[in-house]
Amino acid sequence: MLRTIFKSLIYIAGICFVGSFILSAFPETRGVWEFAKHQFSVFYNLGVAQFGMIGTLIIIASLVFLLQGKR
């Protein structure tokens, strides 16, 4: 379990690093990034309004778990 959490944190750090490189190398993608952040915040706020904070976090964690999958 701890190994999975650590692996997930490494993946998140890698995504952040690659994302910052892409945003600096291709500034025209900044608009797409801002749109994606806005959409995520809208969906998150709708989830909090409907399911509460804990319910929304459980749903997000479940989606991450389902999308991560086993190899």
Protein backbone atom coordinates (compact mmCIF):
# COMPACT_ATOMS: atom_id res chain seq x y z
CA MET A 1 0.00 0.00 0.00
CA LEU A 2 2.77 2.41 0.93
CA ARG A 3 4.61 1.49 -2.25
CA THR A 4 1.50 2.29 -4.31
CA ILE A 5 1.09 5.66 -2.63
CA PHE A 6 4.77 6.48 -3.20
CA LYS A 7 4.49 5.38 -6.83
CA SER A 8 1.43 7.60 -7.30
CA LEU A 9 3.29 10.58 -5.84
CA ILE A 10 6.19 9.96 -8.21
CA TYR A 11 3.75 9.83 -11.16
CA ILE A 12 2.14 13.09 -10.05
CA ALA A 13 5.56 14.76 -9.76
CA GLY A 14 6.46 13.48 -13.24
CA ILE A 15 3.23 14.80 -14.70
CA CYS A 16 3.85 18.19 -13.06
CA PHE A 17 7.40 18.31 -14.44
CA VAL A 18 6.35 17.36 -17.97
CA GLY A 19 3.39 19.74 -17.79
CA SER A 20 5.55 22.69 -16.75
CA PHE A 21 7.99 21.87 -19.56
CA ILE A 22 5.17 21.74 -22.12
CA LEU A 23 3.68 25.01 -20.87
CA SER A 24 7.04 26.76 -21.07
CA ALA A 25 7.97 25.28 -24.47
CA PHE A 26 4.54 25.84 -26.03
CA PRO A 27 2.93 28.97 -24.54
CA GLU A 28 -0.15 28.61 -26.75
CA THR A 29 -1.21 25.59 -24.67
CA ARG A 30 -1.73 27.82 -21.63
CA GLY A 31 -5.30 28.58 -22.74
CA VAL A 32 -6.13 24.87 -22.91
CA TRP A 33 -4.59 24.38 -19.45
CA GLU A 34 -6.64 27.25 -17.97
CA PHE A 35 -9.81 25.81 -19.52
CA ALA A 36 -9.06 22.33 -18.11
CA LYS A 37 -8.40 23.78 -14.63
CA HIS A 38 -11.67 25.70 -14.79
CA GLN A 39 -13.64 22.60 -15.82
CA PHE A 40 -12.07 20.50 -13.06
CA SER A 41 -12.89 23.15 -10.45
CA VAL A 42 -16.50 23.33 -11.69
CA PHE A 43 -16.88 19.53 -11.48
CA TYR A 44 -15.21 19.48 -8.06
CA ASN A 45 -17.50 22.22 -6.71
CA LEU A 46 -20.56 20.41 -8.08
CA GLY A 47 -19.37 17.21 -6.40
CA VAL A 48 -18.87 18.99 -3.08
CA ALA A 49 -22.33 20.54 -3.32
CA GLN A 50 -23.95 17.19 -4.09
CA PHE A 51 -21.91 14.64 -2.11
CA GLY A 52 -20.00 16.72 0.44
CA MET A 53 -16.26 17.05 0.85
CA ILE A 54 -15.55 13.49 2.01
CA GLY A 55 -17.82 11.94 -0.61
CA THR A 56 -16.14 13.91 -3.38
CA LEU A 57 -12.67 12.92 -2.19
CA ILE A 58 -13.74 9.27 -2.05
CA ILE A 59 -15.08 9.50 -5.61
CA ILE A 60 -11.83 11.09 -6.85
CA ALA A 61 -9.74 8.46 -5.05
CA SER A 62 -11.93 5.70 -6.54
CA LEU A 63 -11.50 7.11 -10.04
CA VAL A 64 -7.73 7.29 -9.60
CA PHE A 65 -7.70 3.71 -8.32
CA LEU A 66 -9.85 2.47 -11.21
CA LEU A 67 -7.87 4.32 -13.87
CA GLN A 68 -4.52 3.24 -12.45
CA GLY A 69 -5.27 -0.44 -13.01
CA LYS A 70 -3.09 -3.50 -12.62
CA ARG A 71 -0.48 -4.63 -15.08
